Amino acid sequence: MHYLAVCVAGLFVFNEKDRLIKFRLFDKNPEEIAKKLDLFEKGENFSELEELKNEFEDLEVKQPNQATEYLKKNFRDIILKSKFINSDSELNEILNSVYSAKSKLNISAIERRDKLIIQSVSALSDLEKILNTMTERLREWYGLHYPEINIKDHEKFAEMIAKYGERNNFEGFEKSMGMELKKEDIEILKNYAKELKEMYLLEKNVEKYIEKTVPEEIPNLNALLGSVLAARLLALAGSLERLAKMPSSTIQLLGSEKSLFRFLKENKKGKPPRFGLLFLHPDISTAKRELQGRVARLLSSKLTIAARADFYTKKDMSKELVEDYKKKLKEILKA
């Protein structure tokens, strides 16, 4: 059995007795090394790895393994013997450069993904506005034909019109005061309702995408806010990086910019806004009015930690964050 160990210098193959059998060194380019380490962590192949896999059919690639531990303990000796570098100072320089390049790579990847979340939640907001307008139009339009129809659920309403069209397909139509429609009138109504129904389906698919993507990319923010609210907060901030650099007081007021500017414009007359988007969080909206500000400050302070963890470390510390938040929330609500 052979075991693979990976480090900034390259790929090292050891046997069961921790004897170095073969190695493939990387070029001394920090950016290229960082990319290959990133590919390896993602389980993707690259030239040096492919060569060793072809040469050793029994190669254990999964990390960590016994070779990983051995390389860790004897790292500097093995690297110096491999001739990858000539001195400890050169190794330190390479290590710093590679870790710096890898951090940039990780941050860059997070940045790209957070932009996808922002676009998807913005699309969801657009869909909600469009659906409200189109549904209202369908109700008014179909109301000319059958004003007495009583289907409160908007999506169900669109589905029924798309399927049945004429009022005589519904119960109780005999006493309707609506106007008679021609065949072509009914057809255009059915087509409109069908398209509306498809848009409701699109809305659900976008919501599912957000519910899947947000926990993967910003797990800590998701744990505190839920997927859609976390995505909306991210969209208001503009990027995960900007959100991570914001103080908790700014996060607390995101979404209340108009009210804040109005307050400042009127020479601070009246009361300033206490929160913006965060008011949609049930812990704030359902709290007693006199406690809402304290709950908002607590939540925004935790969101600051969550955003920084999601952006800088990608470490999932949601369990500890939520536990501490709930503990302090309980203390506030008891006051």
C-alpha atoms as a PDB file:
ATOM      1  CA  MET A   1       0.000   0.000   0.000  1.00  0.00           C
ATOM      2  CA  HIS A   2       1.245   3.484  -0.845  1.00  0.00           C
ATOM      3  CA  TYR A   3       0.181   6.769   0.743  1.00  0.00           C
ATOM      4  CA  LEU A   4       0.140  10.265  -0.686  1.00  0.00           C
ATOM      5  CA  ALA A   5       1.070  13.363   1.305  1.00  0.00           C
ATOM      6  CA  VAL A   6       0.684  16.876  -0.105  1.00  0.00           C
ATOM      7  CA  CYS A   7       2.394  20.123   0.867  1.00  0.00           C
ATOM      8  CA  VAL A   8       3.575  23.404  -0.680  1.00  0.00           C
ATOM      9  CA  ALA A   9       6.603  21.657  -2.205  1.00  0.00           C
ATOM     10  CA  GLY A  10       4.648  19.001  -4.109  1.00  0.00           C
ATOM     11  CA  LEU A  11       3.299  15.450  -3.862  1.00  0.00           C
ATOM     12  CA  PHE A  12       5.124  12.784  -1.821  1.00  0.00           C
ATOM     13  CA  VAL A  13       4.480   9.029  -1.940  1.00  0.00           C
ATOM     14  CA  PHE A  14       5.402   6.887   1.087  1.00  0.00           C
ATOM     15  CA  ASN A  15       5.109   3.148   1.689  1.00  0.00           C
ATOM     16  CA  GLU A  16       3.630   1.505   4.774  1.00  0.00           C
ATOM     17  CA  LYS A  17       6.976   1.868   6.605  1.00  0.00           C
ATOM     18  CA  ASP A  18       7.057   5.657   6.042  1.00  0.00           C
ATOM     19  CA  ARG A  19       9.808   5.351   3.456  1.00  0.00           C
ATOM     20  CA  LEU A  20       9.727   8.006   0.740  1.00  0.00           C
ATOM     21  CA  ILE A  21       9.251   6.210  -2.585  1.00  0.00           C
ATOM     22  CA  LYS A  22       8.665   9.029  -5.047  1.00  0.00           C
ATOM     23  CA  PHE A  23       7.800  12.709  -5.240  1.00  0.00           C
ATOM     24  CA  ARG A  24       6.667  15.297  -7.752  1.00  0.00           C
ATOM     25  CA  LEU A  25       7.750  18.849  -6.965  1.00  0.00           C
ATOM     26  CA  PHE A  26       5.739  21.929  -7.881  1.00  0.00           C
ATOM     27  CA  ASP A  27       7.190  24.884  -9.748  1.00  0.00           C
ATOM     28  CA  LYS A  28       8.180  27.659  -7.339  1.00  0.00           C
ATOM     29  CA  ASN A  29       5.255  29.850  -8.303  1.00  0.00           C
ATOM     30  CA  PRO A  30       3.107  30.672  -5.227  1.00  0.00           C
ATOM     31  CA  GLU A  31      -0.063  31.326  -7.270  1.00  0.00           C
ATOM     32  CA  GLU A  32       0.274  28.038  -9.179  1.00  0.00           C
ATOM     33  CA  ILE A  33       1.006  26.104  -5.981  1.00  0.00           C
ATOM     34  CA  ALA A  34      -2.038  27.667  -4.309  1.00  0.00           C
ATOM     35  CA  LYS A  35      -4.239  26.656  -7.268  1.00  0.00           C
ATOM     36  CA  LYS A  36      -2.999  23.051  -7.164  1.00  0.00           C
ATOM     37  CA  LEU A  37      -3.520  22.794  -3.409  1.00  0.00           C
ATOM     38  CA  ASP A  38      -7.025  24.170  -3.915  1.00  0.00           C
ATOM     39  CA  LEU A  39      -7.741  21.632  -6.668  1.00  0.00           C
ATOM     40  CA  PHE A  40      -6.497  18.813  -4.448  1.00  0.00           C
ATOM     41  CA  GLU A  41      -8.744  19.912  -1.558  1.00  0.00           C
ATOM     42  CA  LYS A  42     -11.710  19.901  -3.945  1.00  0.00           C
ATOM     43  CA  GLY A  43     -10.857  16.372  -5.122  1.00  0.00           C
ATOM     44  CA  GLU A  44      -9.922  17.475  -8.645  1.00  0.00           C
ATOM     45  CA  ASN A  45      -6.997  16.211 -10.705  1.00  0.00           C
ATOM     46  CA  PHE A  46      -3.969  18.009 -12.137  1.00  0.00           C
ATOM     47  CA  SER A  47      -0.896  16.756 -14.056  1.00  0.00           C
ATOM     48  CA  GLU A  48       1.418  15.740 -11.179  1.00  0.00           C
ATOM     49  CA  LEU A  49      -1.389  14.000  -9.291  1.00  0.00           C
ATOM     50  CA  GLU A  50      -2.575  12.173 -12.416  1.00  0.00           C
ATOM     51  CA  GLU A  51       0.945  10.818 -13.043  1.00  0.00           C
ATOM     52  CA  LEU A  52       1.258   9.373  -9.550  1.00  0.00           C
ATOM     53  CA  LYS A  53      -2.229   7.844  -9.648  1.00  0.00           C
ATOM     54  CA  ASN A  54      -1.339   6.069 -12.897  1.00  0.00           C
ATOM     55  CA  GLU A  55       1.981   4.855 -11.499  1.00  0.00           C
ATOM     56  CA  PHE A  56       0.664   3.600  -8.146  1.00  0.00           C
ATOM     57  CA  GLU A  57      -2.631   1.739  -8.472  1.00  0.00           C
ATOM     58  CA  ASP A  58      -2.884   1.235  -4.683  1.00  0.00           C
ATOM     59  CA  LEU A  59      -2.208   4.893  -3.870  1.00  0.00           C
ATOM     60  CA  GLU A  60      -4.199   6.168  -0.879  1.00  0.00           C
ATOM     61  CA  VAL A  61      -5.032   9.760  -1.791  1.00  0.00           C
ATOM     62  CA  LYS A  62      -7.583  10.523   0.944  1.00  0.00           C
ATOM     63  CA  GLN A  63      -6.330  12.938   3.599  1.00  0.00           C
ATOM     64  CA  PRO A  64      -5.267  12.654   6.346  1.00  0.00           C
ATOM     65  CA  ASN A  65      -3.389   9.341   6.269  1.00  0.00           C
ATOM     66  CA  GLN A  66      -0.234   7.980   7.886  1.00  0.00           C
ATOM     67  CA  ALA A  67       1.970   9.653   5.271  1.00  0.00           C
ATOM     68  CA  THR A  68       0.381  13.029   6.003  1.00  0.00           C
ATOM     69  CA  GLU A  69       1.283  12.722   9.675  1.00  0.00           C
ATOM     70  CA  TYR A  70       4.822  11.578   8.887  1.00  0.00           C
ATOM     71  CA  LEU A  71       5.394  14.474   6.464  1.00  0.00           C
ATOM     72  CA  LYS A  72       4.046  16.911   9.048  1.00  0.00           C
ATOM     73  CA  LYS A  73       6.520  15.696  11.705  1.00  0.00           C
ATOM     74  CA  ASN A  74       9.530  15.671   9.353  1.00  0.00           C
ATOM     75  CA  PHE A  75       8.447  18.480   7.045  1.00  0.00           C
ATOM     76  CA  ARG A  76      11.594  20.638   6.897  1.00  0.00           C
ATOM     77  CA  ASP A  77      14.036  17.709   6.617  1.00  0.00           C
ATOM     78  CA  ILE A  78      12.078  16.087   3.772  1.00  0.00           C
ATOM     79  CA  ILE A  79      11.661  19.367   1.861  1.00  0.00           C
ATOM     80  CA  LEU A  80      15.357  20.226   2.160  1.00  0.00           C
ATOM     81  CA  LYS A  81      16.368  16.728   0.991  1.00  0.00           C
ATOM     82  CA  SER A  82      14.026  16.990  -2.003  1.00  0.00           C
ATOM     83  CA  LYS A  83      16.025  20.050  -3.194  1.00  0.00           C
ATOM     84  CA  PHE A  84      12.821  22.057  -3.551  1.00  0.00           C
ATOM     85  CA  ILE A  85      14.578  24.812  -1.602  1.00  0.00           C
ATOM     86  CA  ASN A  86      18.137  25.377  -0.385  1.00  0.00           C
ATOM     87  CA  SER A  87      17.579  26.902   3.042  1.00  0.00           C
ATOM     88  CA  ASP A  88      15.096  27.430   5.866  1.00  0.00           C
ATOM     89  CA  SER A  89      14.768  31.118   5.008  1.00  0.00           C
ATOM     90  CA  GLU A  90      13.808  30.285   1.413  1.00  0.00           C
ATOM     91  CA  LEU A  91      11.226  27.781   2.693  1.00  0.00           C
ATOM     92  CA  ASN A  92       9.715  30.390   5.027  1.00  0.00           C
ATOM     93  CA  GLU A  93       9.463  32.827   2.146  1.00  0.00           C
ATOM     94  CA  ILE A  94       7.724  30.239  -0.068  1.00  0.00           C
ATOM     95  CA  LEU A  95       5.316  29.275   2.735  1.00  0.00           C
ATOM     96  CA  ASN A  96       4.301  32.896   3.347  1.00  0.00           C
ATOM     97  CA  SER A  97       3.786  33.540  -0.365  1.00  0.00           C
ATOM     98  CA  VAL A  98       1.733  30.369  -0.914  1.00  0.00           C
ATOM     99  CA  TYR A  99      -0.530  30.909   2.114  1.00  0.00           C
ATOM    100  CA  SER A 100      -1.066  34.510   1.041  1.00  0.00           C
ATOM    101  CA  ALA A 101      -1.985  33.377  -2.498  1.00  0.00           C
ATOM    102  CA  LYS A 102      -4.285  30.687  -1.103  1.00  0.00           C
ATOM    103  CA  SER A 103      -6.086  33.202   1.107  1.00  0.00           C
ATOM    104  CA  LYS A 104      -6.659  35.456  -1.900  1.00  0.00           C
ATOM    105  CA  LEU A 105      -7.953  32.467  -3.857  1.00  0.00           C
ATOM    106  CA  ASN A 106     -10.396  31.532  -1.075  1.00  0.00           C
ATOM    107  CA  ILE A 107     -11.621  35.100  -0.650  1.00  0.00           C
ATOM    108  CA  SER A 108     -12.004  35.443  -4.409  1.00  0.00           C
ATOM    109  CA  ALA A 109     -14.097  32.264  -4.535  1.00  0.00           C
ATOM    110  CA  ILE A 110     -16.323  33.487  -1.705  1.00  0.00           C
ATOM    111  CA  GLU A 111     -16.744  36.840  -3.443  1.00  0.00           C
ATOM    112  CA  ARG A 112     -17.950  35.205  -6.635  1.00  0.00           C
ATOM    113  CA  ARG A 113     -20.444  33.032  -4.796  1.00  0.00           C
ATOM    114  CA  ASP A 114     -21.832  35.876  -2.715  1.00  0.00           C
ATOM    115  CA  LYS A 115     -22.559  37.792  -5.923  1.00  0.00           C
ATOM    116  CA  LEU A 116     -24.654  34.837  -7.100  1.00  0.00           C
ATOM    117  CA  ILE A 117     -26.659  34.942  -3.868  1.00  0.00           C
ATOM    118  CA  ILE A 118     -27.205  38.687  -4.251  1.00  0.00           C
ATOM    119  CA  GLN A 119     -28.420  38.315  -7.838  1.00  0.00           C
ATOM    120  CA  SER A 120     -30.732  35.426  -6.966  1.00  0.00           C
ATOM    121  CA  VAL A 121     -32.388  37.204  -4.027  1.00  0.00           C
ATOM    122  CA  SER A 122     -32.727  40.360  -6.145  1.00  0.00           C
ATOM    123  CA  ALA A 123     -34.404  38.221  -8.815  1.00  0.00           C
ATOM    124  CA  LEU A 124     -36.719  36.851  -6.126  1.00  0.00           C
ATOM    125  CA  SER A 125     -37.698  40.405  -5.125  1.00  0.00           C
ATOM    126  CA  ASP A 126     -38.359  41.264  -8.769  1.00  0.00           C
ATOM    127  CA  LEU A 127     -40.510  38.160  -9.172  1.00  0.00           C
ATOM    128  CA  GLU A 128     -42.550  39.006  -6.068  1.00  0.00           C
ATOM    129  CA  LYS A 129     -43.351  42.478  -7.450  1.00  0.00           C
ATOM    130  CA  ILE A 130     -44.174  41.123 -10.912  1.00  0.00           C
ATOM    131  CA  LEU A 131     -46.359  38.345  -9.492  1.00  0.00           C
ATOM    132  CA  ASN A 132     -48.323  40.791  -7.339  1.00  0.00           C
ATOM    133  CA  THR A 133     -48.956  43.037 -10.336  1.00  0.00           C
ATOM    134  CA  MET A 134     -49.848  40.201 -12.710  1.00  0.00           C
ATOM    135  CA  THR A 135     -52.107  38.479 -10.173  1.00  0.00           C
ATOM    136  CA  GLU A 136     -53.975  41.697  -9.491  1.00  0.00           C
ATOM    137  CA  ARG A 137     -54.408  42.177 -13.245  1.00  0.00           C
ATOM    138  CA  LEU A 138     -55.723  38.607 -13.708  1.00  0.00           C
ATOM    139  CA  ARG A 139     -58.234  39.012 -10.872  1.00  0.00           C
ATOM    140  CA  GLU A 140     -59.559  42.277 -12.312  1.00  0.00           C
ATOM    141  CA  TRP A 141     -59.635  40.842 -15.842  1.00  0.00           C
ATOM    142  CA  TYR A 142     -61.347  37.569 -14.925  1.00  0.00           C
ATOM    143  CA  GLY A 143     -63.622  39.488 -12.546  1.00  0.00           C
ATOM    144  CA  LEU A 144     -65.360  40.979 -15.568  1.00  0.00           C
ATOM    145  CA  HIS A 145     -66.466  37.446 -16.461  1.00  0.00           C
ATOM    146  CA  TYR A 146     -66.978  35.947 -12.999  1.00  0.00           C
ATOM    147  CA  PRO A 147     -66.659  38.561 -10.185  1.00  0.00           C
ATOM    148  CA  GLU A 148     -68.093  36.177  -7.565  1.00  0.00           C
ATOM    149  CA  ILE A 149     -65.246  33.632  -7.853  1.00  0.00           C
ATOM    150  CA  ASN A 150     -63.843  32.894  -4.398  1.00  0.00           C
ATOM    151  CA  ILE A 151     -60.307  31.481  -4.641  1.00  0.00           C
ATOM    152  CA  LYS A 152     -58.098  33.399  -2.203  1.00  0.00           C
ATOM    153  CA  ASP A 153     -54.809  31.626  -2.923  1.00  0.00           C
ATOM    154  CA  HIS A 154     -53.196  33.532  -5.813  1.00  0.00           C
ATOM    155  CA  GLU A 155     -51.270  30.601  -7.268  1.00  0.00           C
ATOM    156  CA  LYS A 156     -54.313  28.316  -7.057  1.00  0.00           C
ATOM    157  CA  PHE A 157     -56.408  31.043  -8.711  1.00  0.00           C
ATOM    158  CA  ALA A 158     -54.019  31.246 -11.685  1.00  0.00           C
ATOM    159  CA  GLU A 159     -53.895  27.464 -11.939  1.00  0.00           C
ATOM    160  CA  MET A 160     -57.701  27.134 -12.007  1.00  0.00           C
ATOM    161  CA  ILE A 161     -58.168  29.847 -14.642  1.00  0.00           C
ATOM    162  CA  ALA A 162     -55.436  28.293 -16.804  1.00  0.00           C
ATOM    163  CA  LYS A 163     -57.113  24.883 -16.520  1.00  0.00           C
ATOM    164  CA  TYR A 164     -60.842  25.688 -16.738  1.00  0.00           C
ATOM    165  CA  GLY A 165     -61.179  29.151 -18.267  1.00  0.00           C
ATOM    166  CA  GLU A 166     -64.949  29.715 -18.617  1.00  0.00           C
ATOM    167  CA  ARG A 167     -67.010  30.387 -15.482  1.00  0.00           C
ATOM    168  CA  ASN A 168     -69.446  27.572 -16.260  1.00  0.00           C
ATOM    169  CA  ASN A 169     -66.659  25.168 -15.209  1.00  0.00           C
ATOM    170  CA  PHE A 170     -66.887  26.498 -11.634  1.00  0.00           C
ATOM    171  CA  GLU A 171     -69.559  25.829  -9.025  1.00  0.00           C
ATOM    172  CA  GLY A 172     -72.151  28.559  -8.480  1.00  0.00           C
ATOM    173  CA  PHE A 173     -71.567  30.298 -11.788  1.00  0.00           C
ATOM    174  CA  GLU A 174     -75.321  30.332 -12.591  1.00  0.00           C
ATOM    175  CA  LYS A 175     -76.003  33.436 -10.473  1.00  0.00           C
ATOM    176  CA  SER A 176     -72.961  35.362 -11.700  1.00  0.00           C
ATOM    177  CA  MET A 177     -73.439  39.003 -12.661  1.00  0.00           C
ATOM    178  CA  GLY A 178     -70.386  38.963 -14.924  1.00  0.00           C
ATOM    179  CA  MET A 179     -70.320  39.466 -18.655  1.00  0.00           C
ATOM    180  CA  GLU A 180     -70.288  36.753 -21.263  1.00  0.00           C
ATOM    181  CA  LEU A 181     -66.965  36.238 -23.037  1.00  0.00           C
ATOM    182  CA  LYS A 182     -66.159  34.995 -26.508  1.00  0.00           C
ATOM    183  CA  LYS A 183     -63.934  32.004 -27.147  1.00  0.00           C
ATOM    184  CA  GLU A 184     -60.934  34.207 -28.043  1.00  0.00           C
ATOM    185  CA  ASP A 185     -61.455  36.222 -24.799  1.00  0.00           C
ATOM    186  CA  ILE A 186     -61.263  33.030 -22.757  1.00  0.00           C
ATOM    187  CA  GLU A 187     -58.206  31.772 -24.629  1.00  0.00           C
ATOM    188  CA  ILE A 188     -56.140  34.886 -23.964  1.00  0.00           C
ATOM    189  CA  LEU A 189     -57.162  34.773 -20.295  1.00  0.00           C
ATOM    190  CA  LYS A 190     -56.123  31.119 -20.052  1.00  0.00           C
ATOM    191  CA  ASN A 191     -52.780  31.844 -21.715  1.00  0.00           C
ATOM    192  CA  TYR A 192     -52.131  34.747 -19.359  1.00  0.00           C
ATOM    193  CA  ALA A 193     -53.031  32.593 -16.346  1.00  0.00           C
ATOM    194  CA  LYS A 194     -50.777  29.794 -17.623  1.00  0.00           C
ATOM    195  CA  GLU A 195     -47.798  32.148 -17.863  1.00  0.00           C
ATOM    196  CA  LEU A 196     -48.558  33.457 -14.381  1.00  0.00           C
ATOM    197  CA  LYS A 197     -48.647  29.915 -13.049  1.00  0.00           C
ATOM    198  CA  GLU A 198     -45.211  29.265 -14.599  1.00  0.00           C
ATOM    199  CA  MET A 199     -43.864  32.379 -12.891  1.00  0.00           C
ATOM    200  CA  TYR A 200     -45.058  31.086  -9.524  1.00  0.00           C
ATOM    201  CA  LEU A 201     -43.124  27.906 -10.259  1.00  0.00           C
ATOM    202  CA  LEU A 202     -40.046  29.971 -11.150  1.00  0.00           C
ATOM    203  CA  GLU A 203     -40.365  31.831  -7.838  1.00  0.00           C
ATOM    204  CA  LYS A 204     -40.372  28.507  -5.964  1.00  0.00           C
ATOM    205  CA  ASN A 205     -37.291  27.310  -7.861  1.00  0.00           C
ATOM    206  CA  VAL A 206     -35.379  30.509  -7.059  1.00  0.00           C
ATOM    207  CA  GLU A 207     -36.360  30.124  -3.386  1.00  0.00           C
ATOM    208  CA  LYS A 208     -35.113  26.521  -3.401  1.00  0.00           C
ATOM    209  CA  TYR A 209     -31.829  27.655  -4.958  1.00  0.00           C
ATOM    210  CA  ILE A 210     -31.389  30.306  -2.246  1.00  0.00           C
ATOM    211  CA  GLU A 211     -32.270  27.812   0.503  1.00  0.00           C
ATOM    212  CA  LYS A 212     -29.608  25.442  -0.827  1.00  0.00           C
ATOM    213  CA  THR A 213     -26.858  27.959  -1.655  1.00  0.00           C
ATOM    214  CA  VAL A 214     -26.987  30.296   1.349  1.00  0.00           C
ATOM    215  CA  PRO A 215     -26.248  27.613   4.024  1.00  0.00           C
ATOM    216  CA  GLU A 216     -23.319  26.378   1.919  1.00  0.00           C
ATOM    217  CA  GLU A 217     -21.732  29.786   1.330  1.00  0.00           C
ATOM    218  CA  ILE A 218     -22.653  31.817   4.429  1.00  0.00           C
ATOM    219  CA  PRO A 219     -23.551  29.188   7.066  1.00  0.00           C
ATOM    220  CA  ASN A 220     -23.193  31.496  10.070  1.00  0.00           C
ATOM    221  CA  LEU A 221     -25.417  34.266   8.701  1.00  0.00           C
ATOM    222  CA  ASN A 222     -27.901  31.616   7.579  1.00  0.00           C
ATOM    223  CA  ALA A 223     -28.101  30.106  11.067  1.00  0.00           C
ATOM    224  CA  LEU A 224     -29.016  33.454  12.622  1.00  0.00           C
ATOM    225  CA  LEU A 225     -31.348  34.815   9.936  1.00  0.00           C
ATOM    226  CA  GLY A 226     -32.567  32.007   7.711  1.00  0.00           C
ATOM    227  CA  SER A 227     -31.637  31.739   4.050  1.00  0.00           C
ATOM    228  CA  VAL A 228     -33.855  34.417   2.454  1.00  0.00           C
ATOM    229  CA  LEU A 229     -33.344  37.097   5.126  1.00  0.00           C
ATOM    230  CA  ALA A 230     -29.572  36.438   5.151  1.00  0.00           C
ATOM    231  CA  ALA A 231     -29.506  36.804   1.359  1.00  0.00           C
ATOM    232  CA  ARG A 232     -31.493  40.068   1.536  1.00  0.00           C
ATOM    233  CA  LEU A 233     -29.084  41.471   4.151  1.00  0.00           C
ATOM    234  CA  LEU A 234     -26.162  40.494   1.919  1.00  0.00           C
ATOM    235  CA  ALA A 235     -27.812  42.257  -1.035  1.00  0.00           C
ATOM    236  CA  LEU A 236     -28.284  45.447   0.990  1.00  0.00           C
ATOM    237  CA  ALA A 237     -24.609  45.401   1.999  1.00  0.00           C
ATOM    238  CA  GLY A 238     -23.493  44.878  -1.609  1.00  0.00           C
ATOM    239  CA  SER A 239     -21.035  42.047  -0.918  1.00  0.00           C
ATOM    240  CA  LEU A 240     -19.941  39.689   1.832  1.00  0.00           C
ATOM    241  CA  GLU A 241     -16.674  41.601   2.157  1.00  0.00           C
ATOM    242  CA  ARG A 242     -18.492  44.883   2.794  1.00  0.00           C
ATOM    243  CA  LEU A 243     -20.823  43.207   5.279  1.00  0.00           C
ATOM    244  CA  ALA A 244     -17.857  41.650   7.119  1.00  0.00           C
ATOM    245  CA  LYS A 245     -16.220  45.066   7.486  1.00  0.00           C
ATOM    246  CA  MET A 246     -19.346  46.804   8.817  1.00  0.00           C
ATOM    247  CA  PRO A 247     -19.774  47.585  12.536  1.00  0.00           C
ATOM    248  CA  SER A 248     -22.825  46.052  14.170  1.00  0.00           C
ATOM    249  CA  SER A 249     -24.543  49.465  14.403  1.00  0.00           C
ATOM    250  CA  THR A 250     -24.466  49.797  10.605  1.00  0.00           C
ATOM    251  CA  ILE A 251     -25.750  46.238  10.095  1.00  0.00           C
ATOM    252  CA  GLN A 252     -28.611  47.014  12.482  1.00  0.00           C
ATOM    253  CA  LEU A 253     -29.721  49.944  10.293  1.00  0.00           C
ATOM    254  CA  LEU A 254     -29.340  48.316   6.864  1.00  0.00           C
ATOM    255  CA  GLY A 255     -32.568  48.884   4.974  1.00  0.00           C
ATOM    256  CA  SER A 256     -33.546  52.006   6.937  1.00  0.00           C
ATOM    257  CA  GLU A 257     -31.458  54.445   4.893  1.00  0.00           C
ATOM    258  CA  LYS A 258     -34.426  56.547   3.736  1.00  0.00           C
ATOM    259  CA  SER A 259     -35.725  56.991   7.278  1.00  0.00           C
ATOM    260  CA  LEU A 260     -32.240  57.815   8.545  1.00  0.00           C
ATOM    261  CA  PHE A 261     -31.589  60.422   5.831  1.00  0.00           C
ATOM    262  CA  ARG A 262     -34.996  61.977   6.485  1.00  0.00           C
ATOM    263  CA  PHE A 263     -34.207  62.152  10.211  1.00  0.00           C
ATOM    264  CA  LEU A 264     -30.853  63.838   9.515  1.00  0.00           C
ATOM    265  CA  LYS A 265     -32.344  66.194   6.912  1.00  0.00           C
ATOM    266  CA  GLU A 266     -34.954  67.381   9.389  1.00  0.00           C
ATOM    267  CA  ASN A 267     -32.191  68.355  11.852  1.00  0.00           C
ATOM    268  CA  LYS A 268     -32.731  65.260  13.982  1.00  0.00           C
ATOM    269  CA  LYS A 269     -36.346  66.025  14.806  1.00  0.00           C
ATOM    270  CA  GLY A 270     -38.392  63.090  15.992  1.00  0.00           C
ATOM    271  CA  LYS A 271     -36.905  59.652  16.631  1.00  0.00           C
ATOM    272  CA  PRO A 272     -34.148  58.025  14.545  1.00  0.00           C
ATOM    273  CA  PRO A 273     -34.777  54.537  13.079  1.00  0.00           C
ATOM    274  CA  ARG A 274     -33.744  51.701  15.390  1.00  0.00           C
ATOM    275  CA  PHE A 275     -33.497  48.964  12.757  1.00  0.00           C
ATOM    276  CA  GLY A 276     -34.085  48.307   9.098  1.00  0.00           C
ATOM    277  CA  LEU A 277     -34.384  44.900   7.443  1.00  0.00           C
ATOM    278  CA  LEU A 278     -33.733  43.157  10.762  1.00  0.00           C
ATOM    279  CA  PHE A 279     -37.244  44.095  11.910  1.00  0.00           C
ATOM    280  CA  LEU A 280     -38.435  41.190   9.719  1.00  0.00           C
ATOM    281  CA  HIS A 281     -36.668  38.783  12.076  1.00  0.00           C
ATOM    282  CA  PRO A 282     -39.368  37.224  14.301  1.00  0.00           C
ATOM    283  CA  ASP A 283     -37.314  37.742  17.486  1.00  0.00           C
ATOM    284  CA  ILE A 284     -37.476  41.507  16.909  1.00  0.00           C
ATOM    285  CA  SER A 285     -40.926  41.887  15.365  1.00  0.00           C
ATOM    286  CA  THR A 286     -42.641  39.815  18.080  1.00  0.00           C
ATOM    287  CA  ALA A 287     -40.741  41.294  21.047  1.00  0.00           C
ATOM    288  CA  LYS A 288     -42.268  43.974  23.261  1.00  0.00           C
ATOM    289  CA  ARG A 289     -41.759  47.417  21.759  1.00  0.00           C
ATOM    290  CA  GLU A 290     -39.484  48.569  24.585  1.00  0.00           C
ATOM    291  CA  LEU A 291     -37.258  45.491  24.115  1.00  0.00           C
ATOM    292  CA  GLN A 292     -36.998  45.529  20.311  1.00  0.00           C
ATOM    293  CA  GLY A 293     -33.979  47.838  20.270  1.00  0.00           C
ATOM    294  CA  ARG A 294     -32.035  45.634  22.687  1.00  0.00           C
ATOM    295  CA  VAL A 295     -32.859  42.490  20.686  1.00  0.00           C
ATOM    296  CA  ALA A 296     -31.791  44.238  17.463  1.00  0.00           C
ATOM    297  CA  ARG A 297     -28.449  45.272  19.011  1.00  0.00           C
ATOM    298  CA  LEU A 298     -27.835  41.723  20.221  1.00  0.00           C
ATOM    299  CA  LEU A 299     -28.680  40.200  16.843  1.00  0.00           C
ATOM    300  CA  SER A 300     -26.596  42.696  14.870  1.00  0.00           C
ATOM    301  CA  SER A 301     -23.573  42.090  17.130  1.00  0.00           C
ATOM    302  CA  LYS A 302     -23.821  38.355  16.423  1.00  0.00           C
ATOM    303  CA  LEU A 303     -24.276  39.036  12.701  1.00  0.00           C
ATOM    304  CA  THR A 304     -21.001  40.993  12.704  1.00  0.00           C
ATOM    305  CA  ILE A 305     -19.183  37.925  14.034  1.00  0.00           C
ATOM    306  CA  ALA A 306     -21.048  35.647  11.613  1.00  0.00           C
ATOM    307  CA  ALA A 307     -20.233  37.769   8.543  1.00  0.00           C
ATOM    308  CA  ARG A 308     -16.532  37.932   9.456  1.00  0.00           C
ATOM    309  CA  ALA A 309     -16.381  34.179  10.028  1.00  0.00           C
ATOM    310  CA  ASP A 310     -18.130  33.508   6.697  1.00  0.00           C
ATOM    311  CA  PHE A 311     -15.846  35.864   4.775  1.00  0.00           C
ATOM    312  CA  TYR A 312     -12.415  35.523   6.367  1.00  0.00           C
ATOM    313  CA  THR A 313     -12.312  31.935   7.624  1.00  0.00           C
ATOM    314  CA  LYS A 314     -15.308  30.107   6.069  1.00  0.00           C
ATOM    315  CA  LYS A 315     -15.493  28.365   9.456  1.00  0.00           C
ATOM    316  CA  ASP A 316     -18.939  27.136  10.474  1.00  0.00           C
ATOM    317  CA  MET A 317     -19.364  28.337  14.049  1.00  0.00           C
ATOM    318  CA  SER A 318     -23.152  28.614  13.759  1.00  0.00           C
ATOM    319  CA  LYS A 319     -23.891  26.252  16.648  1.00  0.00           C
ATOM    320  CA  GLU A 320     -21.923  28.324  19.177  1.00  0.00           C
ATOM    321  CA  LEU A 321     -23.248  31.601  17.748  1.00  0.00           C
ATOM    322  CA  VAL A 322     -26.891  30.530  17.912  1.00  0.00           C
ATOM    323  CA  GLU A 323     -26.534  29.042  21.399  1.00  0.00           C
ATOM    324  CA  ASP A 324     -24.951  32.216  22.773  1.00  0.00           C
ATOM    325  CA  TYR A 325     -27.501  34.400  20.967  1.00  0.00           C
ATOM    326  CA  LYS A 326     -30.465  32.427  22.357  1.00  0.00           C
ATOM    327  CA  LYS A 327     -29.002  32.506  25.861  1.00  0.00           C
ATOM    328  CA  LYS A 328     -28.615  36.309  25.820  1.00  0.00           C
ATOM    329  CA  LEU A 329     -31.986  36.757  24.109  1.00  0.00           C
ATOM    330  CA  LYS A 330     -33.625  34.841  26.942  1.00  0.00           C
ATOM    331  CA  GLU A 331     -32.008  37.202  29.462  1.00  0.00           C
ATOM    332  CA  ILE A 332     -33.299  40.264  27.563  1.00  0.00           C
ATOM    333  CA  LEU A 333     -36.845  38.935  27.300  1.00  0.00           C
ATOM    334  CA  LYS A 334     -36.912  38.167  31.039  1.00  0.00           C
ATOM    335  CA  ALA A 335     -36.037  41.776  31.879  1.00  0.00           C
END
